[in-house]
Amino acid sequence: MASSSSTAREPRALSRERRAGSRAASPEPRPGTRVRRQLSASPWLFAAPGLLVVGAFILYPFVSTVINSFTDRRTLIPGEFVGLANFRELLHDEMFWTALRNSTLYVLGVVPALVLLPLLLALLVQKNIPGIAFFRSAFYTPVVASIVVVGLIWVWLLDERGLVNALLEAVGAGKVGFLSDQWLLLLSAMAVTVWKGLGYYMIIYLAALANVPRELHEAAAVDGAGAVRRFLTVTVPAVRSTMVLVGALSSVAAFKVFSEVYLMAGPDGGPAGEDTTLVMLVQRTGTGLTGRVGYASALSVVVFVVTVALMLLVLRADRKEDA
């Protein structure tokens, strides 16, 4: 009996020894390993809320729009895959070419003004003289004003029974159809965009002008350069990179214009829809119970491609000047 119990204990002892040997053989984790893992994961934990917002409100709508552009989806109908049919229809849509023309003209009319005029305005308010803070605030006020309020004010000013036409009639000049003529309406919307964006880009130029050394202006003045020559030879080269930035931002914003034209021309895009822009066409096509979501998505993809192309052209032109 004693021998049988001793033989039963031996395998148990051997199993304990093997388990102890396996614990001794396996390397124990270093004290700082867990801390390093936590530190490597902490940036992702901080970025997770922002990544979720970007994914939910930017990446997902973008991918969904691209997918819908290849379908015939409507507001209440899922739709089926149609390939490039929506993009082929764009080529034969006269309203698309009208909207593309208006958006392109908007860029050509607004961007040069928003690149040059805010720079001149920044030069005027750059000097520290009594009362200059009031003018800086006044020039920046349109930026913080609601675009709906701004649009309604300008409609009231430029209407046939508005203040501007009343003043023109008072001096015997006759009424001008700012909001009824196709081209005058587009120019009026451009003027509103420029007026509202002057203060924003002025602030950007003020930050750039603060970094221009005064010694350059003093040296140019000693050489006999006047104000205009100093502006062309000193100020413009010093803020050229900022001008490129302003040109890129304003060109993208001008090509995607919606509120100004919508408020001044109405939802139909002016007389016979001749002042419709691309974004207005997207809104008109893709909304409502019978909205063509697939076709509107194709229009949105075209807007995205053109805006990216505009930015690349501006950056390429900047690189050529650097070379």
C-alpha atoms as a PDB file:
ATOM      1  CA  MET A   1       0.000   0.000   0.000  1.00  0.00           C
ATOM      2  CA  ALA A   2       2.826   2.404   0.827  1.00  0.00           C
ATOM      3  CA  SER A   3       4.544   1.639  -2.438  1.00  0.00           C
ATOM      4  CA  SER A   4       1.355   2.247  -4.423  1.00  0.00           C
ATOM      5  CA  SER A   5       0.756   5.639  -2.780  1.00  0.00           C
ATOM      6  CA  SER A   6       4.335   6.689  -3.372  1.00  0.00           C
ATOM      7  CA  THR A   7       4.070   5.773  -7.028  1.00  0.00           C
ATOM      8  CA  ALA A   8       0.883   7.859  -7.303  1.00  0.00           C
ATOM      9  CA  ARG A   9       2.593  10.882  -5.793  1.00  0.00           C
ATOM     10  CA  GLU A  10       5.558  10.702  -8.145  1.00  0.00           C
ATOM     11  CA  PRO A  11       3.665  11.714 -11.358  1.00  0.00           C
ATOM     12  CA  ARG A  12       2.064  14.622  -9.491  1.00  0.00           C
ATOM     13  CA  ALA A  13       5.459  15.826  -8.307  1.00  0.00           C
ATOM     14  CA  LEU A  14       6.854  15.454 -11.789  1.00  0.00           C
ATOM     15  CA  SER A  15       3.962  17.501 -13.254  1.00  0.00           C
ATOM     16  CA  ARG A  16       4.549  20.254 -10.689  1.00  0.00           C
ATOM     17  CA  GLU A  17       8.236  20.346 -11.545  1.00  0.00           C
ATOM     18  CA  ARG A  18       7.473  20.546 -15.274  1.00  0.00           C
ATOM     19  CA  ARG A  19       5.046  23.423 -14.762  1.00  0.00           C
ATOM     20  CA  ALA A  20       7.594  25.245 -12.617  1.00  0.00           C
ATOM     21  CA  GLY A  21      10.255  24.680 -15.263  1.00  0.00           C
ATOM     22  CA  SER A  22       7.993  25.985 -18.005  1.00  0.00           C
ATOM     23  CA  ARG A  23       7.318  29.152 -15.974  1.00  0.00           C
ATOM     24  CA  ALA A  24      11.031  29.633 -15.451  1.00  0.00           C
ATOM     25  CA  ALA A  25      11.752  29.057 -19.146  1.00  0.00           C
ATOM     26  CA  SER A  26       9.150  31.593 -20.414  1.00  0.00           C
ATOM     27  CA  PRO A  27      10.603  35.112 -20.290  1.00  0.00           C
ATOM     28  CA  GLU A  28       8.739  37.544 -18.101  1.00  0.00           C
ATOM     29  CA  PRO A  29       7.590  40.820 -19.719  1.00  0.00           C
ATOM     30  CA  ARG A  30       9.767  43.772 -19.033  1.00  0.00           C
ATOM     31  CA  PRO A  31       8.343  46.372 -16.668  1.00  0.00           C
ATOM     32  CA  GLY A  32       8.214  49.111 -19.325  1.00  0.00           C
ATOM     33  CA  THR A  33       6.618  47.063 -22.128  1.00  0.00           C
ATOM     34  CA  ARG A  34       3.048  47.685 -21.039  1.00  0.00           C
ATOM     35  CA  VAL A  35       3.749  51.387 -20.573  1.00  0.00           C
ATOM     36  CA  ARG A  36       5.212  51.657 -24.056  1.00  0.00           C
ATOM     37  CA  ARG A  37       2.190  49.916 -25.535  1.00  0.00           C
ATOM     38  CA  GLN A  38      -0.136  52.314 -23.766  1.00  0.00           C
ATOM     39  CA  LEU A  39       1.879  55.311 -24.971  1.00  0.00           C
ATOM     40  CA  SER A  40       1.851  54.080 -28.566  1.00  0.00           C
ATOM     41  CA  ALA A  41      -1.932  53.647 -28.459  1.00  0.00           C
ATOM     42  CA  SER A  42      -2.719  56.937 -26.710  1.00  0.00           C
ATOM     43  CA  PRO A  43      -2.395  59.165 -29.849  1.00  0.00           C
ATOM     44  CA  TRP A  44      -4.985  57.028 -31.616  1.00  0.00           C
ATOM     45  CA  LEU A  45      -7.306  57.307 -28.646  1.00  0.00           C
ATOM     46  CA  PHE A  46      -7.050  61.100 -28.769  1.00  0.00           C
ATOM     47  CA  ALA A  47      -7.542  61.122 -32.565  1.00  0.00           C
ATOM     48  CA  ALA A  48     -10.423  58.628 -32.527  1.00  0.00           C
ATOM     49  CA  PRO A  49     -13.256  61.200 -32.044  1.00  0.00           C
ATOM     50  CA  GLY A  50     -11.930  63.370 -34.861  1.00  0.00           C
ATOM     51  CA  LEU A  51     -11.428  60.367 -37.136  1.00  0.00           C
ATOM     52  CA  LEU A  52     -14.986  59.226 -36.450  1.00  0.00           C
ATOM     53  CA  VAL A  53     -16.334  62.661 -37.360  1.00  0.00           C
ATOM     54  CA  VAL A  54     -14.244  62.793 -40.543  1.00  0.00           C
ATOM     55  CA  GLY A  55     -15.296  59.293 -41.509  1.00  0.00           C
ATOM     56  CA  ALA A  56     -18.981  59.881 -40.824  1.00  0.00           C
ATOM     57  CA  PHE A  57     -19.360  63.344 -42.371  1.00  0.00           C
ATOM     58  CA  ILE A  58     -16.628  63.475 -45.048  1.00  0.00           C
ATOM     59  CA  LEU A  59     -15.314  60.088 -46.151  1.00  0.00           C
ATOM     60  CA  TYR A  60     -18.608  58.218 -46.103  1.00  0.00           C
ATOM     61  CA  PRO A  61     -20.570  60.913 -48.035  1.00  0.00           C
ATOM     62  CA  PHE A  62     -17.722  61.193 -50.547  1.00  0.00           C
ATOM     63  CA  VAL A  63     -17.560  57.440 -51.189  1.00  0.00           C
ATOM     64  CA  SER A  64     -21.360  57.253 -51.280  1.00  0.00           C
ATOM     65  CA  THR A  65     -21.509  60.069 -53.843  1.00  0.00           C
ATOM     66  CA  VAL A  66     -18.950  58.383 -56.084  1.00  0.00           C
ATOM     67  CA  ILE A  67     -20.858  55.095 -55.913  1.00  0.00           C
ATOM     68  CA  ASN A  68     -24.208  56.781 -56.596  1.00  0.00           C
ATOM     69  CA  SER A  69     -22.771  58.547 -59.653  1.00  0.00           C
ATOM     70  CA  PHE A  70     -22.685  55.154 -61.402  1.00  0.00           C
ATOM     71  CA  THR A  71     -26.329  54.363 -60.596  1.00  0.00           C
ATOM     72  CA  ASP A  72     -29.765  55.690 -61.565  1.00  0.00           C
ATOM     73  CA  ARG A  73     -30.769  56.174 -57.944  1.00  0.00           C
ATOM     74  CA  ARG A  74     -33.602  58.538 -57.091  1.00  0.00           C
ATOM     75  CA  THR A  75     -34.771  59.970 -53.784  1.00  0.00           C
ATOM     76  CA  LEU A  76     -37.090  57.092 -52.896  1.00  0.00           C
ATOM     77  CA  ILE A  77     -35.698  54.441 -55.277  1.00  0.00           C
ATOM     78  CA  PRO A  78     -32.387  52.645 -54.577  1.00  0.00           C
ATOM     79  CA  GLY A  79     -31.471  52.457 -58.250  1.00  0.00           C
ATOM     80  CA  GLU A  80     -29.287  50.107 -60.273  1.00  0.00           C
ATOM     81  CA  PHE A  81     -25.791  50.242 -61.680  1.00  0.00           C
ATOM     82  CA  VAL A  82     -25.724  52.086 -65.026  1.00  0.00           C
ATOM     83  CA  GLY A  83     -21.982  52.571 -65.499  1.00  0.00           C
ATOM     84  CA  LEU A  84     -20.995  55.834 -67.197  1.00  0.00           C
ATOM     85  CA  ALA A  85     -24.500  56.653 -68.412  1.00  0.00           C
ATOM     86  CA  ASN A  86     -24.820  59.679 -66.107  1.00  0.00           C
ATOM     87  CA  PHE A  87     -21.514  61.122 -67.301  1.00  0.00           C
ATOM     88  CA  ARG A  88     -22.468  60.556 -70.949  1.00  0.00           C
ATOM     89  CA  GLU A  89     -25.731  62.384 -70.294  1.00  0.00           C
ATOM     90  CA  LEU A  90     -23.761  65.327 -68.913  1.00  0.00           C
ATOM     91  CA  LEU A  91     -22.069  65.827 -72.267  1.00  0.00           C
ATOM     92  CA  HIS A  92     -25.453  66.333 -73.966  1.00  0.00           C
ATOM     93  CA  ASP A  93     -27.062  68.410 -71.207  1.00  0.00           C
ATOM     94  CA  GLU A  94     -27.253  72.079 -72.225  1.00  0.00           C
ATOM     95  CA  MET A  95     -27.953  73.171 -68.644  1.00  0.00           C
ATOM     96  CA  PHE A  96     -24.724  71.499 -67.526  1.00  0.00           C
ATOM     97  CA  TRP A  97     -22.679  73.494 -70.035  1.00  0.00           C
ATOM     98  CA  THR A  98     -24.502  76.681 -69.027  1.00  0.00           C
ATOM     99  CA  ALA A  99     -23.737  76.032 -65.363  1.00  0.00           C
ATOM    100  CA  LEU A 100     -20.109  75.177 -66.164  1.00  0.00           C
ATOM    101  CA  ARG A 101     -19.774  78.416 -68.130  1.00  0.00           C
ATOM    102  CA  ASN A 102     -21.209  80.490 -65.294  1.00  0.00           C
ATOM    103  CA  SER A 103     -18.997  78.844 -62.672  1.00  0.00           C
ATOM    104  CA  THR A 104     -15.923  79.363 -64.846  1.00  0.00           C
ATOM    105  CA  LEU A 105     -16.796  83.016 -65.456  1.00  0.00           C
ATOM    106  CA  TYR A 106     -17.318  83.406 -61.726  1.00  0.00           C
ATOM    107  CA  VAL A 107     -13.784  82.195 -61.073  1.00  0.00           C
ATOM    108  CA  LEU A 108     -12.325  84.486 -63.744  1.00  0.00           C
ATOM    109  CA  GLY A 109     -14.194  87.500 -62.371  1.00  0.00           C
ATOM    110  CA  VAL A 110     -13.798  86.952 -58.627  1.00  0.00           C
ATOM    111  CA  VAL A 111     -10.328  85.480 -58.125  1.00  0.00           C
ATOM    112  CA  PRO A 112      -8.214  88.370 -59.541  1.00  0.00           C
ATOM    113  CA  ALA A 113     -10.191  90.855 -57.452  1.00  0.00           C
ATOM    114  CA  LEU A 114      -9.844  88.792 -54.271  1.00  0.00           C
ATOM    115  CA  VAL A 115      -6.107  88.375 -54.826  1.00  0.00           C
ATOM    116  CA  LEU A 116      -5.299  92.053 -55.416  1.00  0.00           C
ATOM    117  CA  LEU A 117      -7.900  94.166 -53.599  1.00  0.00           C
ATOM    118  CA  PRO A 118      -7.413  92.628 -50.118  1.00  0.00           C
ATOM    119  CA  LEU A 119      -3.665  93.203 -50.472  1.00  0.00           C
ATOM    120  CA  LEU A 120      -4.208  96.890 -51.210  1.00  0.00           C
ATOM    121  CA  LEU A 121      -6.678  97.073 -48.336  1.00  0.00           C
ATOM    122  CA  ALA A 122      -4.163  95.434 -46.001  1.00  0.00           C
ATOM    123  CA  LEU A 123      -1.550  98.009 -46.988  1.00  0.00           C
ATOM    124  CA  LEU A 124      -3.979 100.788 -46.093  1.00  0.00           C
ATOM    125  CA  VAL A 125      -4.872  99.450 -42.645  1.00  0.00           C
ATOM    126  CA  GLN A 126      -1.399  98.186 -41.811  1.00  0.00           C
ATOM    127  CA  LYS A 127      -0.197 101.498 -40.431  1.00  0.00           C
ATOM    128  CA  ASN A 128      -0.682 102.157 -36.730  1.00  0.00           C
ATOM    129  CA  ILE A 129      -2.551 105.454 -36.729  1.00  0.00           C
ATOM    130  CA  PRO A 130      -5.327 106.623 -34.404  1.00  0.00           C
ATOM    131  CA  GLY A 131      -8.663 105.045 -35.265  1.00  0.00           C
ATOM    132  CA  ILE A 132      -7.274 102.371 -37.598  1.00  0.00           C
ATOM    133  CA  ALA A 133      -8.773  99.592 -35.435  1.00  0.00           C
ATOM    134  CA  PHE A 134     -12.250 100.882 -36.281  1.00  0.00           C
ATOM    135  CA  PHE A 135     -11.602 100.574 -40.014  1.00  0.00           C
ATOM    136  CA  ARG A 136     -10.145  97.091 -39.621  1.00  0.00           C
ATOM    137  CA  SER A 137     -13.289  96.008 -37.780  1.00  0.00           C
ATOM    138  CA  ALA A 138     -15.514  97.690 -40.342  1.00  0.00           C
ATOM    139  CA  PHE A 139     -13.787  95.950 -43.240  1.00  0.00           C
ATOM    140  CA  TYR A 140     -14.041  92.599 -41.467  1.00  0.00           C
ATOM    141  CA  THR A 141     -17.732  92.951 -40.520  1.00  0.00           C
ATOM    142  CA  PRO A 142     -19.092  91.467 -43.813  1.00  0.00           C
ATOM    143  CA  VAL A 143     -17.088  88.298 -43.164  1.00  0.00           C
ATOM    144  CA  VAL A 144     -18.940  87.498 -39.933  1.00  0.00           C
ATOM    145  CA  ALA A 145     -22.323  88.582 -41.307  1.00  0.00           C
ATOM    146  CA  SER A 146     -24.705  85.856 -42.435  1.00  0.00           C
ATOM    147  CA  ILE A 147     -24.646  85.285 -46.183  1.00  0.00           C
ATOM    148  CA  VAL A 148     -28.445  85.143 -46.176  1.00  0.00           C
ATOM    149  CA  VAL A 149     -28.672  88.567 -44.555  1.00  0.00           C
ATOM    150  CA  VAL A 150     -26.015  89.963 -46.891  1.00  0.00           C
ATOM    151  CA  GLY A 151     -27.795  88.556 -49.936  1.00  0.00           C
ATOM    152  CA  LEU A 152     -31.155  89.981 -48.906  1.00  0.00           C
ATOM    153  CA  ILE A 153     -29.596  93.407 -48.284  1.00  0.00           C
ATOM    154  CA  TRP A 154     -28.033  93.460 -51.740  1.00  0.00           C
ATOM    155  CA  VAL A 155     -31.277  92.273 -53.341  1.00  0.00           C
ATOM    156  CA  TRP A 156     -33.047  95.164 -51.646  1.00  0.00           C
ATOM    157  CA  LEU A 157     -30.378  97.579 -52.894  1.00  0.00           C
ATOM    158  CA  LEU A 158     -30.294  96.333 -56.507  1.00  0.00           C
ATOM    159  CA  ASP A 159     -33.964  95.580 -57.064  1.00  0.00           C
ATOM    160  CA  GLU A 160     -35.845  97.599 -59.662  1.00  0.00           C
ATOM    161  CA  ARG A 161     -37.554  99.427 -56.797  1.00  0.00           C
ATOM    162  CA  GLY A 162     -34.447  99.355 -54.635  1.00  0.00           C
ATOM    163  CA  LEU A 163     -32.224 102.115 -53.329  1.00  0.00           C
ATOM    164  CA  VAL A 164     -29.695 102.082 -56.186  1.00  0.00           C
ATOM    165  CA  ASN A 165     -32.322 102.423 -58.903  1.00  0.00           C
ATOM    166  CA  ALA A 166     -34.097 105.093 -56.869  1.00  0.00           C
ATOM    167  CA  LEU A 167     -30.877 107.115 -56.788  1.00  0.00           C
ATOM    168  CA  LEU A 168     -30.351 106.579 -60.515  1.00  0.00           C
ATOM    169  CA  GLU A 169     -33.864 107.799 -61.232  1.00  0.00           C
ATOM    170  CA  ALA A 170     -33.285 110.820 -59.006  1.00  0.00           C
ATOM    171  CA  VAL A 171     -30.345 111.910 -61.154  1.00  0.00           C
ATOM    172  CA  GLY A 172     -32.229 111.122 -64.378  1.00  0.00           C
ATOM    173  CA  ALA A 173     -30.187 108.058 -65.399  1.00  0.00           C
ATOM    174  CA  GLY A 174     -33.072 105.581 -65.533  1.00  0.00           C
ATOM    175  CA  LYS A 175     -33.446 102.157 -63.982  1.00  0.00           C
ATOM    176  CA  VAL A 176     -30.926  99.368 -64.469  1.00  0.00           C
ATOM    177  CA  GLY A 177     -31.991  95.712 -64.392  1.00  0.00           C
ATOM    178  CA  PHE A 178     -29.333  94.424 -62.033  1.00  0.00           C
ATOM    179  CA  LEU A 179     -31.435  91.387 -61.117  1.00  0.00           C
ATOM    180  CA  SER A 180     -33.277  90.870 -64.397  1.00  0.00           C
ATOM    181  CA  ASP A 181     -30.439  90.965 -66.923  1.00  0.00           C
ATOM    182  CA  GLN A 182     -28.434  87.752 -67.252  1.00  0.00           C
ATOM    183  CA  TRP A 183     -24.962  89.265 -67.223  1.00  0.00           C
ATOM    184  CA  LEU A 184     -25.676  92.116 -64.805  1.00  0.00           C
ATOM    185  CA  LEU A 185     -27.096  89.611 -62.317  1.00  0.00           C
ATOM    186  CA  LEU A 186     -23.955  87.473 -62.540  1.00  0.00           C
ATOM    187  CA  LEU A 187     -21.744  90.554 -62.119  1.00  0.00           C
ATOM    188  CA  SER A 188     -23.827  91.679 -59.146  1.00  0.00           C
ATOM    189  CA  ALA A 189     -23.364  88.287 -57.479  1.00  0.00           C
ATOM    190  CA  MET A 190     -19.619  88.537 -58.126  1.00  0.00           C
ATOM    191  CA  ALA A 191     -19.572  91.961 -56.488  1.00  0.00           C
ATOM    192  CA  VAL A 192     -21.279  90.531 -53.394  1.00  0.00           C
ATOM    193  CA  THR A 193     -18.736  87.696 -53.208  1.00  0.00           C
ATOM    194  CA  VAL A 194     -15.822  90.112 -53.496  1.00  0.00           C
ATOM    195  CA  TRP A 195     -17.326  92.520 -50.952  1.00  0.00           C
ATOM    196  CA  LYS A 196     -17.909  89.728 -48.440  1.00  0.00           C
ATOM    197  CA  GLY A 197     -14.459  88.163 -48.880  1.00  0.00           C
ATOM    198  CA  LEU A 198     -12.334  91.323 -48.748  1.00  0.00           C
ATOM    199  CA  GLY A 199     -12.015  91.370 -44.961  1.00  0.00           C
ATOM    200  CA  TYR A 200     -11.163  87.673 -44.674  1.00  0.00           C
ATOM    201  CA  TYR A 201      -8.279  87.778 -47.128  1.00  0.00           C
ATOM    202  CA  MET A 202      -7.198  91.165 -45.759  1.00  0.00           C
ATOM    203  CA  ILE A 203      -6.434  89.472 -42.426  1.00  0.00           C
ATOM    204  CA  ILE A 204      -4.342  86.846 -44.214  1.00  0.00           C
ATOM    205  CA  TYR A 205      -2.370  89.547 -46.012  1.00  0.00           C
ATOM    206  CA  LEU A 206      -1.875  91.505 -42.802  1.00  0.00           C
ATOM    207  CA  ALA A 207      -0.186  88.471 -41.246  1.00  0.00           C
ATOM    208  CA  ALA A 208       2.061  88.154 -44.299  1.00  0.00           C
ATOM    209  CA  LEU A 209       2.940  91.850 -44.421  1.00  0.00           C
ATOM    210  CA  ALA A 210       3.970  91.775 -40.765  1.00  0.00           C
ATOM    211  CA  ASN A 211       6.832  89.456 -41.754  1.00  0.00           C
ATOM    212  CA  VAL A 212       8.198  91.724 -44.491  1.00  0.00           C
ATOM    213  CA  PRO A 213      11.374  93.437 -43.193  1.00  0.00           C
ATOM    214  CA  ARG A 214      11.223  97.225 -43.164  1.00  0.00           C
ATOM    215  CA  GLU A 215      14.837  97.328 -44.284  1.00  0.00           C
ATOM    216  CA  LEU A 216      13.798  96.219 -47.761  1.00  0.00           C
ATOM    217  CA  HIS A 217      11.418  99.170 -48.144  1.00  0.00           C
ATOM    218  CA  GLU A 218      14.000 101.561 -46.706  1.00  0.00           C
ATOM    219  CA  ALA A 219      16.673 100.294 -49.101  1.00  0.00           C
ATOM    220  CA  ALA A 220      14.308 100.650 -52.058  1.00  0.00           C
ATOM    221  CA  ALA A 221      13.387 104.182 -50.946  1.00  0.00           C
ATOM    222  CA  VAL A 222      17.063 105.098 -50.725  1.00  0.00           C
ATOM    223  CA  ASP A 223      17.509 103.872 -54.302  1.00  0.00           C
ATOM    224  CA  GLY A 224      14.781 106.292 -55.365  1.00  0.00           C
ATOM    225  CA  ALA A 225      11.901 103.827 -55.745  1.00  0.00           C
ATOM    226  CA  GLY A 226       8.453 105.331 -55.394  1.00  0.00           C
ATOM    227  CA  ALA A 227       5.428 103.804 -53.707  1.00  0.00           C
ATOM    228  CA  VAL A 228       4.290 101.907 -56.797  1.00  0.00           C
ATOM    229  CA  ARG A 229       7.751 100.559 -57.531  1.00  0.00           C
ATOM    230  CA  ARG A 230       8.243  99.475 -53.921  1.00  0.00           C
ATOM    231  CA  PHE A 231       4.914  97.692 -54.099  1.00  0.00           C
ATOM    232  CA  LEU A 232       5.903  95.801 -57.241  1.00  0.00           C
ATOM    233  CA  THR A 233       9.519  95.031 -56.345  1.00  0.00           C
ATOM    234  CA  VAL A 234       9.334  94.543 -52.576  1.00  0.00           C
ATOM    235  CA  THR A 235       5.796  93.871 -51.358  1.00  0.00           C
ATOM    236  CA  VAL A 236       4.559  91.570 -54.107  1.00  0.00           C
ATOM    237  CA  PRO A 237       7.616  89.237 -54.094  1.00  0.00           C
ATOM    238  CA  ALA A 238       7.522  89.092 -50.297  1.00  0.00           C
ATOM    239  CA  VAL A 239       3.875  87.995 -50.147  1.00  0.00           C
ATOM    240  CA  ARG A 240       3.796  85.941 -53.358  1.00  0.00           C
ATOM    241  CA  SER A 241       3.281  82.662 -51.511  1.00  0.00           C
ATOM    242  CA  THR A 242       0.340  84.219 -49.668  1.00  0.00           C
ATOM    243  CA  MET A 243      -1.087  85.426 -52.968  1.00  0.00           C
ATOM    244  CA  VAL A 244      -0.915  81.861 -54.268  1.00  0.00           C
ATOM    245  CA  LEU A 245      -2.739  80.645 -51.161  1.00  0.00           C
ATOM    246  CA  VAL A 246      -5.425  83.301 -51.548  1.00  0.00           C
ATOM    247  CA  GLY A 247      -5.755  82.456 -55.238  1.00  0.00           C
ATOM    248  CA  ALA A 248      -6.230  78.762 -54.474  1.00  0.00           C
ATOM    249  CA  LEU A 249      -8.775  79.352 -51.710  1.00  0.00           C
ATOM    250  CA  SER A 250     -10.766  81.948 -53.632  1.00  0.00           C
ATOM    251  CA  SER A 251     -10.814  79.925 -56.862  1.00  0.00           C
ATOM    252  CA  VAL A 252     -12.240  76.861 -55.137  1.00  0.00           C
ATOM    253  CA  ALA A 253     -14.799  78.962 -53.252  1.00  0.00           C
ATOM    254  CA  ALA A 254     -15.793  80.845 -56.422  1.00  0.00           C
ATOM    255  CA  PHE A 255     -16.233  77.690 -58.469  1.00  0.00           C
ATOM    256  CA  LYS A 256     -18.487  76.224 -55.776  1.00  0.00           C
ATOM    257  CA  VAL A 257     -20.530  79.408 -55.371  1.00  0.00           C
ATOM    258  CA  PHE A 258     -24.158  78.856 -54.411  1.00  0.00           C
ATOM    259  CA  SER A 259     -25.629  81.213 -51.830  1.00  0.00           C
ATOM    260  CA  GLU A 260     -24.988  84.544 -53.558  1.00  0.00           C
ATOM    261  CA  VAL A 261     -26.419  83.491 -56.925  1.00  0.00           C
ATOM    262  CA  TYR A 262     -29.256  81.519 -55.335  1.00  0.00           C
ATOM    263  CA  LEU A 263     -30.378  84.473 -53.217  1.00  0.00           C
ATOM    264  CA  MET A 264     -30.103  87.048 -55.985  1.00  0.00           C
ATOM    265  CA  ALA A 265     -31.271  84.974 -58.958  1.00  0.00           C
ATOM    266  CA  GLY A 266     -33.778  82.756 -57.173  1.00  0.00           C
ATOM    267  CA  PRO A 267     -34.042  78.965 -57.179  1.00  0.00           C
ATOM    268  CA  ASP A 268     -34.555  78.926 -60.958  1.00  0.00           C
ATOM    269  CA  GLY A 269     -31.199  80.581 -61.630  1.00  0.00           C
ATOM    270  CA  GLY A 270     -32.344  83.893 -63.044  1.00  0.00           C
ATOM    271  CA  PRO A 271     -34.130  84.473 -66.349  1.00  0.00           C
ATOM    272  CA  ALA A 272     -34.570  81.123 -68.125  1.00  0.00           C
ATOM    273  CA  GLY A 273     -32.044  79.624 -65.716  1.00  0.00           C
ATOM    274  CA  GLU A 274     -29.169  81.305 -67.550  1.00  0.00           C
ATOM    275  CA  ASP A 275     -27.361  82.214 -64.312  1.00  0.00           C
ATOM    276  CA  THR A 276     -27.387  78.708 -62.831  1.00  0.00           C
ATOM    277  CA  THR A 277     -24.082  77.525 -61.410  1.00  0.00           C
ATOM    278  CA  LEU A 278     -22.892  73.938 -61.043  1.00  0.00           C
ATOM    279  CA  VAL A 279     -23.685  73.696 -57.344  1.00  0.00           C
ATOM    280  CA  MET A 280     -27.129  75.160 -57.949  1.00  0.00           C
ATOM    281  CA  LEU A 281     -27.677  72.537 -60.641  1.00  0.00           C
ATOM    282  CA  VAL A 282     -26.656  69.797 -58.211  1.00  0.00           C
ATOM    283  CA  GLN A 283     -29.109  71.117 -55.611  1.00  0.00           C
ATOM    284  CA  ARG A 284     -31.934  71.461 -58.122  1.00  0.00           C
ATOM    285  CA  THR A 285     -31.382  68.023 -59.669  1.00  0.00           C
ATOM    286  CA  GLY A 286     -30.828  65.943 -56.556  1.00  0.00           C
ATOM    287  CA  THR A 287     -33.467  67.277 -54.148  1.00  0.00           C
ATOM    288  CA  GLY A 288     -37.191  66.723 -53.880  1.00  0.00           C
ATOM    289  CA  LEU A 289     -39.294  63.568 -54.020  1.00  0.00           C
ATOM    290  CA  THR A 290     -38.356  63.016 -57.665  1.00  0.00           C
ATOM    291  CA  GLY A 291     -34.714  64.066 -57.293  1.00  0.00           C
ATOM    292  CA  ARG A 292     -32.225  62.262 -59.526  1.00  0.00           C
ATOM    293  CA  VAL A 293     -29.624  61.413 -56.906  1.00  0.00           C
ATOM    294  CA  GLY A 294     -27.461  59.442 -59.319  1.00  0.00           C
ATOM    295  CA  TYR A 295     -27.251  62.246 -61.871  1.00  0.00           C
ATOM    296  CA  ALA A 296     -26.669  64.837 -59.144  1.00  0.00           C
ATOM    297  CA  SER A 297     -23.862  62.662 -57.761  1.00  0.00           C
ATOM    298  CA  ALA A 298     -22.239  62.617 -61.186  1.00  0.00           C
ATOM    299  CA  LEU A 299     -22.432  66.419 -61.246  1.00  0.00           C
ATOM    300  CA  SER A 300     -20.834  66.514 -57.793  1.00  0.00           C
ATOM    301  CA  VAL A 301     -17.969  64.314 -58.973  1.00  0.00           C
ATOM    302  CA  VAL A 302     -17.353  66.729 -61.855  1.00  0.00           C
ATOM    303  CA  VAL A 303     -17.301  69.660 -59.422  1.00  0.00           C
ATOM    304  CA  PHE A 304     -14.792  67.806 -57.240  1.00  0.00           C
ATOM    305  CA  VAL A 305     -12.508  66.973 -60.173  1.00  0.00           C
ATOM    306  CA  VAL A 306     -12.550  70.543 -61.483  1.00  0.00           C
ATOM    307  CA  THR A 307     -11.804  72.067 -58.055  1.00  0.00           C
ATOM    308  CA  VAL A 308      -8.864  69.691 -57.567  1.00  0.00           C
ATOM    309  CA  ALA A 309      -7.639  70.604 -61.059  1.00  0.00           C
ATOM    310  CA  LEU A 310      -7.871  74.318 -60.194  1.00  0.00           C
ATOM    311  CA  MET A 311      -5.751  73.862 -57.090  1.00  0.00           C
ATOM    312  CA  LEU A 312      -3.182  71.822 -59.004  1.00  0.00           C
ATOM    313  CA  LEU A 313      -2.960  74.507 -61.698  1.00  0.00           C
ATOM    314  CA  VAL A 314      -2.379  77.211 -59.098  1.00  0.00           C
ATOM    315  CA  LEU A 315       0.311  75.157 -57.344  1.00  0.00           C
ATOM    316  CA  ARG A 316       1.978  74.306 -60.643  1.00  0.00           C
ATOM    317  CA  ALA A 317       2.067  77.953 -61.670  1.00  0.00           C
ATOM    318  CA  ASP A 318       3.684  78.769 -58.315  1.00  0.00           C
ATOM    319  CA  ARG A 319       6.345  76.102 -58.839  1.00  0.00           C
ATOM    320  CA  LYS A 320       7.150  77.430 -62.308  1.00  0.00           C
ATOM    321  CA  GLU A 321       7.718  80.897 -60.881  1.00  0.00           C
ATOM    322  CA  ASP A 322      10.009  79.438 -58.215  1.00  0.00           C
ATOM    323  CA  ALA A 323      12.029  77.663 -60.889  1.00  0.00           C
END
